[in-house]
């Protein structure tokens, strides 16, 4: 599955760059009336396969294990998730090399 990202070369995205995907989750009390704030939960990593001026195309590279990070209501990368370039790296391996 391909993901279309509304950022491109102008934002520092380039082919073969692996970026981390986060989901913002609002934490509320049991009654749902009081908000304790938002947290950013890592979901997985995407690999940029094509980069243009203002848009990029990425594919799922890795889902992050829920063993050491909070659980998510919806598993997998989805619309509305955010990417972060901190900790990104270039992966020059071909799919058959993995």
Protein backbone atom coordinates (compact mmCIF):
# COMPACT_ATOMS: atom_id res chain seq x y z
CA UNK A 1 0.00 0.00 0.00
CA UNK A 2 1.31 3.45 -0.90
CA UNK A 3 0.94 6.49 1.32
CA UNK A 4 0.90 10.00 -0.10
CA UNK A 5 2.62 12.59 2.06
CA UNK A 6 1.95 16.31 1.66
CA UNK A 7 5.67 17.15 1.90
CA UNK A 8 8.43 16.65 -0.59
CA UNK A 9 11.95 17.62 -1.57
CA UNK A 10 11.37 21.14 -0.21
CA UNK A 11 10.78 19.61 3.25
CA UNK A 12 13.84 17.36 3.18
CA UNK A 13 12.19 14.17 1.95
CA UNK A 14 14.15 12.17 -0.61
CA UNK A 15 14.09 8.71 -2.17
CA UNK A 16 15.04 5.80 0.16
CA UNK A 17 14.65 7.93 3.29
CA UNK A 18 13.03 6.00 6.16
CA UNK A 19 10.94 8.19 8.49
CA UNK A 20 9.05 7.43 11.70
CA UNK A 21 5.27 7.79 11.79
CA UNK A 22 3.51 9.06 14.93
CA UNK A 23 -0.13 9.29 15.96
CA UNK A 24 -1.41 12.00 18.30
CA UNK A 25 -3.71 10.53 20.95
CA UNK A 26 -5.74 12.60 23.39
CA UNK A 27 -5.73 11.05 26.88
CA UNK A 28 -8.98 11.48 28.87
CA UNK A 29 -10.31 10.32 32.22
CA UNK A 30 -12.69 7.33 32.46
CA UNK A 31 -15.79 9.50 32.03
CA UNK A 32 -14.29 11.20 28.97
CA UNK A 33 -14.92 14.69 30.31
CA UNK A 34 -11.43 15.73 31.40
CA UNK A 35 -8.47 15.76 29.04
CA UNK A 36 -5.01 15.08 30.43
CA UNK A 37 -3.36 16.14 27.18
CA UNK A 38 -2.02 14.69 23.96
CA UNK A 39 0.78 12.19 23.51
CA UNK A 40 2.62 11.18 20.34
CA UNK A 41 2.73 7.41 19.93
CA UNK A 42 5.10 5.83 17.38
CA UNK A 43 3.21 3.69 14.88
CA UNK A 44 5.80 2.52 12.36
CA UNK A 45 8.24 3.57 9.68
CA UNK A 46 7.72 4.51 6.04
CA UNK A 47 10.27 4.43 3.24
CA UNK A 48 10.04 7.22 0.68
CA UNK A 49 9.93 5.67 -2.79
CA UNK A 50 9.34 8.83 -4.83
CA UNK A 51 9.83 12.48 -3.92
CA UNK A 52 8.61 15.55 -5.77
CA UNK A 53 8.52 19.26 -4.94
CA UNK A 54 5.53 19.24 -2.57
CA UNK A 55 4.45 15.59 -2.35
CA UNK A 56 6.08 12.22 -1.69
CA UNK A 57 5.03 8.60 -2.04
CA UNK A 58 6.01 6.13 0.69
CA UNK A 59 5.55 2.44 1.50
CA UNK A 60 5.34 0.69 4.83
CA UNK A 61 8.84 -0.23 5.99
CA UNK A 62 8.18 -1.50 9.52
CA UNK A 63 5.42 -1.49 12.13
CA UNK A 64 6.64 -0.80 15.66
CA UNK A 65 6.00 -3.53 18.22
CA UNK A 66 3.43 -2.61 20.88
CA UNK A 67 5.54 -4.39 23.52
CA UNK A 68 7.25 -1.24 24.83
CA UNK A 69 4.98 1.55 23.55
CA UNK A 70 1.29 2.30 24.22
CA UNK A 71 -1.38 0.32 22.38
CA UNK A 72 -3.38 1.93 19.57
CA UNK A 73 -7.10 1.62 18.89
CA UNK A 74 -6.39 1.31 15.16
CA UNK A 75 -3.36 -0.78 14.21
CA UNK A 76 -1.22 0.25 11.26
CA UNK A 77 -0.39 3.52 9.55
CA UNK A 78 -3.41 5.61 8.58
CA UNK A 79 -4.51 9.01 7.27
CA UNK A 80 -3.82 11.79 9.74
CA UNK A 81 -0.66 10.24 11.18
CA UNK A 82 2.40 12.48 11.19
CA UNK A 83 5.95 11.78 10.10
CA UNK A 84 9.09 12.91 11.89
CA UNK A 85 12.50 13.33 10.27
CA UNK A 86 14.34 12.96 13.61
CA UNK A 87 16.05 9.58 13.53
CA UNK A 88 15.44 9.14 9.82
CA UNK A 89 17.99 7.26 7.75
CA UNK A 90 18.70 6.25 4.15
CA UNK A 91 18.01 2.60 3.26
CA UNK A 92 19.67 1.66 -0.02
CA UNK A 93 18.85 -2.05 0.22
CA UNK A 94 16.59 -3.50 -2.43
CA UNK A 95 13.49 -5.38 -1.25
CA UNK A 96 15.15 -8.67 -2.25
CA UNK A 97 18.21 -7.87 -0.08
CA UNK A 98 16.25 -7.84 3.20
